[in-house]
């Protein structure tokens, strides 16, 4: 594969996509607060671990009501307006935190920021779908995913230097970079919500992007393949969640508490490095395959990457395992957004991009509780057998969905 061909994957995209790419880098590069939230709650505020866990959970769960509200509003008032308004409110929540010291108001402001951030997310996803077509979406979603991870690979490093001596700049820096990214969007990205004329023309489309009328649930059930995709995706998120939950426990069991933390840090660095270096190559390599088939391949890589942990006990092999499941993560994330965009009606993009991530991400929420009980009963090592089986099951179901869609497309061609 020639280097020029590889970078051509990102060539010719709408200008607004490139602006969003740089905005993502700036925004996530300044994502200082939430990576260090647990440290802040326990060390600075002196909150017990159990109570701190409750606040962390609330900050994560706060995304859900915000997302539902933002999805609805972005379909009625515009993607850009909702994105800028709610992301701006999230940034402003961080400013008073810099000056409140050890006040218990701070955790609640961070939870509120989670609500506002959740409201902005569906607008951002809908905007990307509006700006692209089925032909160039894969490159666009891949580029934005890359931008997000470039920022996240730098942000925690900067925050680590700021945390001990310049704590208020953790909050101010997060607010400042978010506002800078929003200024880029405000100036250089046009409003993308379809006009009334485009909505009318959209009723004539022969694809799943055609305009629909009616309540979200009713319209969603008109897209059974998308609903099936979302439900199968919960298997994926359940398995991928093990890198945050079961993997640290496994490392501690093999290498001891002190060494396991260092090794886990190396593995997370590996994860970030593979995302940044391999996203463009994997996107180019699989660009001719349908998104759902790429997601099926992702499940196989997920099964192999996590399943091999059952057999290994050397740090170098854990690095190899991480590289394999990370490539699965890349294929899953970059193609899932494309699949949803290709099957969501243009009239409901905001709402679909609010509800579907909640369904697909259910595995992340359920996994720690279920696997925690499983580990207590059967031991940590058996987790990886379950992960392997679930990964293959997810891949098989995605492949069956691919076959169903291919048969449906063939019938449409025969009908014409």
Protein backbone atom coordinates (compact mmCIF):
# COMPACT_ATOMS: atom_id res chain seq x y z
CA UNK A 1 0.00 0.00 0.00
CA UNK A 2 1.55 3.31 -1.12
CA UNK A 3 1.75 6.16 1.38
CA UNK A 4 0.04 8.56 -1.06
CA UNK A 5 -2.89 6.16 -1.47
CA UNK A 6 -3.17 5.92 2.31
CA UNK A 7 -3.50 9.67 2.83
CA UNK A 8 -5.91 9.96 -0.10
CA UNK A 9 -8.46 8.42 2.24
CA UNK A 10 -8.81 11.86 3.86
CA UNK A 11 -8.58 13.84 0.63
CA UNK A 12 -11.54 15.74 -0.82
CA UNK A 13 -13.70 15.82 2.31
CA UNK A 14 -15.90 18.88 2.98
CA UNK A 15 -13.96 21.81 4.46
CA UNK A 16 -16.13 21.73 7.56
CA UNK A 17 -14.94 18.19 8.33
CA UNK A 18 -11.33 19.40 8.43
CA UNK A 19 -12.37 22.25 10.72
CA UNK A 20 -14.14 19.76 13.01
CA UNK A 21 -10.99 17.60 12.97
CA UNK A 22 -8.83 20.44 14.33
CA UNK A 23 -11.59 21.46 16.74
CA UNK A 24 -11.65 17.88 18.08
CA UNK A 25 -7.88 17.91 18.62
CA UNK A 26 -8.03 21.21 20.52
CA UNK A 27 -11.07 20.20 22.57
CA UNK A 28 -9.80 16.76 23.62
CA UNK A 29 -6.24 18.01 24.11
CA UNK A 30 -7.68 20.18 26.87
CA UNK A 31 -9.82 17.41 28.39
CA UNK A 32 -8.00 17.72 31.72
CA UNK A 33 -10.77 17.34 34.28
CA UNK A 34 -12.45 13.97 33.84
CA UNK A 35 -9.30 11.80 33.46
CA UNK A 36 -8.21 13.04 36.91
CA UNK A 37 -11.67 13.18 38.49
CA UNK A 38 -11.14 10.24 40.86
CA UNK A 39 -7.82 11.67 42.09
CA UNK A 40 -9.44 15.06 42.63
CA UNK A 41 -12.39 13.69 44.59
CA UNK A 42 -10.35 11.41 46.87
CA UNK A 43 -7.15 13.42 47.36
CA UNK A 44 -8.26 17.06 47.17
CA UNK A 45 -11.80 16.83 48.50
CA UNK A 46 -11.02 13.93 50.84
CA UNK A 47 -14.07 11.93 49.76
CA UNK A 48 -14.15 8.22 50.60
CA UNK A 49 -13.61 5.88 47.62
CA UNK A 50 -17.19 4.56 47.75
CA UNK A 51 -18.69 8.07 47.69
CA UNK A 52 -16.21 9.17 45.03
CA UNK A 53 -17.32 6.21 42.92
CA UNK A 54 -20.90 7.45 43.19
CA UNK A 55 -19.93 10.91 41.94
CA UNK A 56 -17.92 9.40 39.06
CA UNK A 57 -20.90 7.22 38.15
CA UNK A 58 -23.25 10.23 38.27
CA UNK A 59 -20.93 12.24 36.03
CA UNK A 60 -21.03 9.40 33.49
CA UNK A 61 -24.77 8.75 33.77
CA UNK A 62 -25.50 12.48 33.44
CA UNK A 63 -24.63 12.09 29.75
CA UNK A 64 -27.87 10.14 29.16
CA UNK A 65 -30.57 12.77 29.91
CA UNK A 66 -28.40 15.42 28.26
CA UNK A 67 -28.06 13.31 25.13
CA UNK A 68 -31.80 12.72 24.83
CA UNK A 69 -32.53 16.44 25.23
CA UNK A 70 -29.78 17.47 22.81
CA UNK A 71 -30.85 14.96 20.16
CA UNK A 72 -34.42 16.25 20.17
CA UNK A 73 -33.38 19.91 20.09
CA UNK A 74 -30.78 19.45 17.33
CA UNK A 75 -33.46 18.02 15.01
CA UNK A 76 -35.66 21.07 15.58
CA UNK A 77 -33.33 24.06 16.11
CA UNK A 78 -30.14 23.08 14.28
CA UNK A 79 -26.97 21.09 14.90
CA UNK A 80 -24.56 24.02 15.12
CA UNK A 81 -26.72 26.05 17.51
CA UNK A 82 -27.16 23.16 19.94
CA UNK A 83 -23.52 22.05 19.73
CA UNK A 84 -22.14 25.53 20.44
CA UNK A 85 -24.74 26.38 23.10
CA UNK A 86 -24.48 23.23 25.22
CA UNK A 87 -20.74 22.64 24.79
CA UNK A 88 -20.23 26.27 25.74
CA UNK A 89 -22.32 25.77 28.90
CA UNK A 90 -20.25 22.70 29.75
CA UNK A 91 -17.07 24.75 29.43
CA UNK A 92 -18.47 27.53 31.62
CA UNK A 93 -19.23 24.99 34.37
CA UNK A 94 -15.48 24.43 34.76
CA UNK A 95 -14.64 28.11 35.36
CA UNK A 96 -16.06 28.52 38.91
CA UNK A 97 -14.51 25.15 39.85
CA UNK A 98 -11.08 26.80 39.55
CA UNK A 99 -11.93 29.28 42.32
CA UNK A 100 -14.14 27.27 44.68
CA UNK A 101 -11.26 25.44 46.36
CA UNK A 102 -12.40 22.25 48.12
CA UNK A 103 -16.08 23.11 48.04
CA UNK A 104 -18.54 20.22 47.55
CA UNK A 105 -20.26 22.37 44.93
CA UNK A 106 -17.49 21.37 42.50
CA UNK A 107 -18.61 17.73 41.96
CA UNK A 108 -22.14 18.89 41.19
CA UNK A 109 -20.87 21.44 38.68
CA UNK A 110 -18.93 18.63 36.98
CA UNK A 111 -22.06 16.48 36.86
CA UNK A 112 -23.92 19.43 35.31
CA UNK A 113 -21.11 19.76 32.77
CA UNK A 114 -21.72 16.10 31.93
CA UNK A 115 -25.37 16.85 31.18
CA UNK A 116 -24.42 19.74 28.87
CA UNK A 117 -21.66 17.72 27.18
CA UNK A 118 -24.12 14.89 26.60
CA UNK A 119 -26.56 17.31 24.97
CA UNK A 120 -23.87 18.49 22.53
CA UNK A 121 -22.83 15.01 21.37
CA UNK A 122 -25.85 14.06 19.20
CA UNK A 123 -25.65 17.43 17.46
CA UNK A 124 -22.00 16.78 16.63
CA UNK A 125 -22.72 13.30 15.21
CA UNK A 126 -25.74 14.55 13.24
CA UNK A 127 -23.64 17.40 11.85
CA UNK A 128 -21.04 14.93 10.56
CA UNK A 129 -23.77 12.86 8.90
CA UNK A 130 -25.28 16.01 7.32
CA UNK A 131 -21.93 17.08 5.90
CA UNK A 132 -21.11 13.74 4.29
CA UNK A 133 -22.51 11.14 1.90
CA UNK A 134 -22.44 7.36 1.96
CA UNK A 135 -19.35 7.52 -0.28
CA UNK A 136 -17.11 9.68 1.92
CA UNK A 137 -18.47 9.05 5.43
CA UNK A 138 -15.96 6.35 6.30
CA UNK A 139 -13.04 8.72 5.71
CA UNK A 140 -14.78 11.55 7.61
CA UNK A 141 -15.64 9.50 10.69
CA UNK A 142 -12.14 7.98 10.67
CA UNK A 143 -10.53 11.43 10.52
CA UNK A 144 -12.63 12.76 13.40
CA UNK A 145 -11.89 9.65 15.49
CA UNK A 146 -8.20 10.19 14.80
CA UNK A 147 -8.46 13.83 15.87
CA UNK A 148 -10.16 12.86 19.10
CA UNK A 149 -7.43 10.37 19.97
CA UNK A 150 -4.58 12.70 19.04
CA UNK A 151 -5.99 15.17 21.55
CA UNK A 152 -6.57 12.53 24.23
CA UNK A 153 -3.01 11.25 23.84
CA UNK A 154 -1.66 14.73 24.70
CA UNK A 155 -4.22 16.06 27.20
CA UNK A 156 -3.63 13.74 30.20
CA UNK A 157 0.13 14.24 29.85
CA UNK A 158 -0.27 18.03 30.18
CA UNK A 159 -2.79 17.60 33.00
CA UNK A 160 -0.34 15.38 34.88
CA UNK A 161 2.16 18.24 35.04
CA UNK A 162 -0.51 20.77 36.04
CA UNK A 163 -2.29 18.72 38.68
CA UNK A 164 0.01 19.03 41.70
CA UNK A 165 1.01 22.71 41.49
CA UNK A 166 -1.47 24.43 39.17
CA UNK A 167 -4.77 22.74 39.95
CA UNK A 168 -7.00 25.66 38.92
CA UNK A 169 -5.53 25.50 35.42
CA UNK A 170 -6.92 21.97 35.11
CA UNK A 171 -10.37 23.57 35.10
CA UNK A 172 -9.50 26.79 33.29
CA UNK A 173 -7.49 24.97 30.63
CA UNK A 174 -10.37 22.59 29.92
CA UNK A 175 -12.79 25.52 29.62
CA UNK A 176 -10.41 27.56 27.44
CA UNK A 177 -9.65 24.81 24.91
CA UNK A 178 -13.34 23.92 24.63
CA UNK A 179 -14.24 27.55 23.90
CA UNK A 180 -11.43 27.84 21.31
CA UNK A 181 -12.73 24.73 19.52
CA UNK A 182 -16.25 26.18 19.54
CA UNK A 183 -15.02 29.46 18.04
CA UNK A 184 -13.63 27.44 15.11
CA UNK A 185 -17.01 25.76 14.65
CA UNK A 186 -18.89 29.05 15.02
CA UNK A 187 -16.83 30.82 12.37
CA UNK A 188 -15.95 28.13 9.84
CA UNK A 189 -18.73 25.49 9.99
CA UNK A 190 -22.12 26.24 8.48
CA UNK A 191 -25.45 25.16 9.98
CA UNK A 192 -26.19 21.72 8.54
CA UNK A 193 -29.78 20.90 9.52
CA UNK A 194 -31.68 20.01 6.30
CA UNK A 195 -33.99 22.71 4.97
CA UNK A 196 -37.73 22.13 4.40
CA UNK A 197 -37.03 21.67 0.69
CA UNK A 198 -34.34 19.08 1.41
CA UNK A 199 -36.71 17.31 3.81
CA UNK A 200 -39.37 17.07 1.07
CA UNK A 201 -36.85 15.80 -1.44
CA UNK A 202 -35.61 13.36 1.20
CA UNK A 203 -38.99 11.57 1.17
CA UNK A 204 -38.15 10.33 -2.34
CA UNK A 205 -34.85 8.71 -1.36
CA UNK A 206 -34.63 4.95 -1.80
CA UNK A 207 -32.15 4.54 1.06
CA UNK A 208 -32.69 4.38 4.82
CA UNK A 209 -31.73 8.07 5.00
CA UNK A 210 -35.11 9.05 3.57
CA UNK A 211 -37.18 11.53 5.56
CA UNK A 212 -39.70 10.01 7.97
CA UNK A 213 -42.56 11.40 10.00
CA UNK A 214 -43.55 10.23 13.44
CA UNK A 215 -42.22 9.52 16.92
CA UNK A 216 -38.65 8.32 17.41
CA UNK A 217 -39.62 4.80 18.56
CA UNK A 218 -42.01 4.28 15.64
CA UNK A 219 -39.38 5.41 13.14
CA UNK A 220 -36.69 3.28 14.79
CA UNK A 221 -38.83 0.16 14.37
CA UNK A 222 -39.00 0.96 10.65
CA UNK A 223 -35.23 0.37 10.66
CA UNK A 224 -35.04 -3.19 12.07
CA UNK A 225 -31.47 -3.67 10.84
CA UNK A 226 -30.36 -0.59 12.77
CA UNK A 227 -32.12 -1.78 15.90
CA UNK A 228 -30.52 -5.23 15.53
CA UNK A 229 -27.14 -3.56 15.04
CA UNK A 230 -27.56 -1.56 18.24
CA UNK A 231 -28.49 -4.62 20.29
CA UNK A 232 -25.56 -6.69 18.98
CA UNK A 233 -23.25 -3.76 19.65
CA UNK A 234 -23.97 -4.13 23.37
CA UNK A 235 -22.01 -7.40 23.18
CA UNK A 236 -19.06 -5.51 21.75
CA UNK A 237 -19.14 -2.79 24.40
CA UNK A 238 -19.46 -5.46 27.12
CA UNK A 239 -16.26 -7.15 25.91
CA UNK A 240 -14.29 -3.95 25.25
CA UNK A 241 -15.13 -2.78 28.78
CA UNK A 242 -12.83 -5.50 30.14
CA UNK A 243 -9.75 -3.43 29.33
CA UNK A 244 -10.82 -1.00 32.07
CA UNK A 245 -12.21 -3.53 34.54
CA UNK A 246 -10.90 -7.10 34.27
CA UNK A 247 -7.51 -6.35 32.68
CA UNK A 248 -6.09 -4.44 35.70
CA UNK A 249 -7.26 -7.26 37.99
CA UNK A 250 -5.59 -9.86 35.77
CA UNK A 251 -2.33 -7.89 35.70
CA UNK A 252 -2.36 -7.53 39.48
CA UNK A 253 -2.96 -11.27 39.84
CA UNK A 254 0.06 -12.10 37.67
CA UNK A 255 2.58 -9.31 38.37
CA UNK A 256 1.56 -7.95 41.79
CA UNK A 257 0.05 -4.58 42.67
CA UNK A 258 3.12 -2.38 42.18
CA UNK A 259 4.31 -3.77 38.83
CA UNK A 260 0.80 -4.15 37.44
CA UNK A 261 0.18 -0.39 37.54
CA UNK A 262 3.29 0.30 35.47
CA UNK A 263 2.41 -2.44 32.98
CA UNK A 264 -1.17 -1.19 32.71
CA UNK A 265 0.18 2.30 31.96
CA UNK A 266 2.31 0.81 29.17
CA UNK A 267 -0.72 -1.00 27.75
CA UNK A 268 -2.84 2.17 27.74
CA UNK A 269 0.01 3.99 26.00
CA UNK A 270 0.11 1.14 23.49
CA UNK A 271 -3.62 1.53 22.96
CA UNK A 272 -3.25 5.25 22.22
CA UNK A 273 -0.21 4.74 19.98
CA UNK A 274 -1.94 2.05 17.92
CA UNK A 275 -5.03 4.24 17.48
CA UNK A 276 -2.99 7.23 16.30
CA UNK A 277 -0.70 5.24 13.98
CA UNK A 278 -3.06 2.57 12.62
CA UNK A 279 -6.40 4.33 12.13
CA UNK A 280 -5.56 5.75 8.70
CA UNK A 281 -4.01 2.48 7.47
CA UNK A 282 -6.92 0.31 8.63
CA UNK A 283 -9.41 2.77 7.13
CA UNK A 284 -7.61 2.65 3.79
CA UNK A 285 -7.23 -1.13 3.87
CA UNK A 286 -10.95 -1.72 4.53
CA UNK A 287 -12.49 1.23 2.69
CA UNK A 288 -14.06 -0.98 -0.01
CA UNK A 289 -15.78 -3.21 2.55
CA UNK A 290 -19.22 -2.38 3.91
CA UNK A 291 -19.21 -0.88 7.42
CA UNK A 292 -21.13 -3.82 8.90
CA UNK A 293 -18.55 -6.28 7.52
CA UNK A 294 -15.72 -4.24 9.02
CA UNK A 295 -17.52 -4.34 12.36
CA UNK A 296 -17.77 -8.15 12.06
CA UNK A 297 -14.00 -8.27 11.51
CA UNK A 298 -13.64 -6.03 14.56
CA UNK A 299 -15.40 -8.70 16.64
CA UNK A 300 -12.88 -11.34 15.57
CA UNK A 301 -9.94 -9.09 16.51
CA UNK A 302 -11.67 -8.35 19.80
CA UNK A 303 -12.12 -12.09 20.51
CA UNK A 304 -8.49 -12.90 19.68
CA UNK A 305 -7.01 -9.91 21.52
CA UNK A 306 -8.89 -10.53 24.76
CA UNK A 307 -9.13 -14.31 24.47
CA UNK A 308 -5.36 -14.80 24.30
CA UNK A 309 -5.01 -13.25 27.77
CA UNK A 310 -6.16 -16.61 29.17
CA UNK A 311 -2.86 -18.14 27.98
CA UNK A 312 -0.25 -15.39 28.50
CA UNK A 313 1.85 -14.21 31.43
CA UNK A 314 4.56 -12.00 29.86
CA UNK A 315 4.34 -8.18 29.51
CA UNK A 316 5.38 -8.31 25.84
CA UNK A 317 2.46 -10.62 25.03
CA UNK A 318 0.06 -8.29 26.84
CA UNK A 319 1.35 -5.50 24.56
CA UNK A 320 0.60 -7.72 21.55
CA UNK A 321 -2.86 -8.50 22.93
CA UNK A 322 -3.56 -4.78 23.39
CA UNK A 323 -2.45 -4.01 19.83
CA UNK A 324 -4.82 -6.66 18.45
CA UNK A 325 -7.95 -5.63 20.38
CA UNK A 326 -7.16 -1.95 19.74
CA UNK A 327 -7.26 -2.59 15.99
CA UNK A 328 -10.66 -4.14 16.61
CA UNK A 329 -11.66 -1.03 18.53
CA UNK A 330 -10.58 1.19 15.61
CA UNK A 331 -12.66 -0.76 13.08
CA UNK A 332 -15.64 -0.81 15.42
CA UNK A 333 -15.68 2.89 16.32
CA UNK A 334 -14.95 4.28 12.85
CA UNK A 335 -17.51 2.07 11.11
CA UNK A 336 -20.30 2.22 13.72
CA UNK A 337 -20.77 5.95 13.19
CA UNK A 338 -20.91 5.39 9.44
CA UNK A 339 -23.45 2.58 9.78
CA UNK A 340 -25.74 4.66 11.98
CA UNK A 341 -25.46 7.66 9.62
CA UNK A 342 -26.31 5.49 6.60
CA UNK A 343 -29.44 4.09 8.25
CA UNK A 344 -30.76 7.06 10.23
CA UNK A 345 -33.43 9.18 8.48
CA UNK A 346 -32.24 12.71 7.82
CA UNK A 347 -35.27 14.01 9.72
CA UNK A 348 -34.29 12.16 12.92
CA UNK A 349 -30.48 12.18 12.87
CA UNK A 350 -30.10 14.05 16.14
CA UNK A 351 -32.51 11.77 18.01
CA UNK A 352 -31.05 8.58 16.53
CA UNK A 353 -27.55 9.71 17.49
CA UNK A 354 -28.81 10.31 21.03
CA UNK A 355 -30.64 7.03 21.63
CA UNK A 356 -28.50 4.53 19.71
CA UNK A 357 -25.21 5.24 21.58
CA UNK A 358 -27.13 4.71 24.84
CA UNK A 359 -28.20 1.26 23.61
CA UNK A 360 -24.85 0.30 22.11
CA UNK A 361 -22.99 1.50 25.21
CA UNK A 362 -25.17 -0.48 27.64
CA UNK A 363 -22.48 -3.15 27.80
CA UNK A 364 -20.05 -0.67 29.33
CA UNK A 365 -22.51 0.03 32.15
CA UNK A 366 -23.49 -3.60 32.78
CA UNK A 367 -20.09 -5.23 32.41
CA UNK A 368 -18.36 -4.24 35.70
CA UNK A 369 -21.31 -5.38 37.83
CA UNK A 370 -21.84 -8.68 36.01
CA UNK A 371 -18.18 -9.57 35.59
CA UNK A 372 -17.40 -8.55 39.17
CA UNK A 373 -19.80 -11.24 40.40
CA UNK A 374 -18.45 -13.68 37.79
CA UNK A 375 -14.86 -13.15 38.98
CA UNK A 376 -15.84 -13.77 42.59
CA UNK A 377 -17.46 -17.08 41.61
CA UNK A 378 -15.11 -18.41 38.91
CA UNK A 379 -11.86 -16.42 39.10
CA UNK A 380 -10.31 -13.77 36.92
CA UNK A 381 -8.80 -16.11 34.34
CA UNK A 382 -12.17 -17.44 33.18
CA UNK A 383 -13.18 -13.92 32.12
CA UNK A 384 -11.10 -14.25 28.96
CA UNK A 385 -12.89 -17.41 27.83
CA UNK A 386 -16.18 -15.52 28.17
CA UNK A 387 -14.70 -12.54 26.31
CA UNK A 388 -13.50 -14.80 23.48
CA UNK A 389 -16.88 -16.50 23.09
CA UNK A 390 -18.82 -13.21 23.28
CA UNK A 391 -16.48 -11.58 20.76
CA UNK A 392 -17.02 -14.40 18.26
CA UNK A 393 -20.78 -14.39 18.89
CA UNK A 394 -20.89 -10.65 18.23
CA UNK A 395 -18.84 -11.05 15.05
CA UNK A 396 -21.10 -13.88 13.83
CA UNK A 397 -24.28 -11.89 14.44
CA UNK A 398 -22.81 -8.84 12.65
CA UNK A 399 -21.86 -11.06 9.70
CA UNK A 400 -25.39 -12.50 9.57
CA UNK A 401 -26.73 -8.93 9.53
CA UNK A 402 -24.35 -8.20 6.64
CA UNK A 403 -25.74 -11.20 4.72
CA UNK A 404 -29.33 -10.07 5.34
CA UNK A 405 -28.53 -6.57 4.07
CA UNK A 406 -26.73 -7.91 1.01
CA UNK A 407 -29.75 -10.08 0.17
CA UNK A 408 -32.06 -7.09 0.61
CA UNK A 409 -29.91 -4.98 -1.74
CA UNK A 410 -29.90 -7.77 -4.31
CA UNK A 411 -33.73 -7.87 -4.25
CA UNK A 412 -33.86 -4.11 -4.84
CA UNK A 413 -31.57 -4.45 -7.86
CA UNK A 414 -33.69 -7.32 -9.26
CA UNK A 415 -36.85 -5.25 -8.75
CA UNK A 416 -35.37 -2.42 -10.82
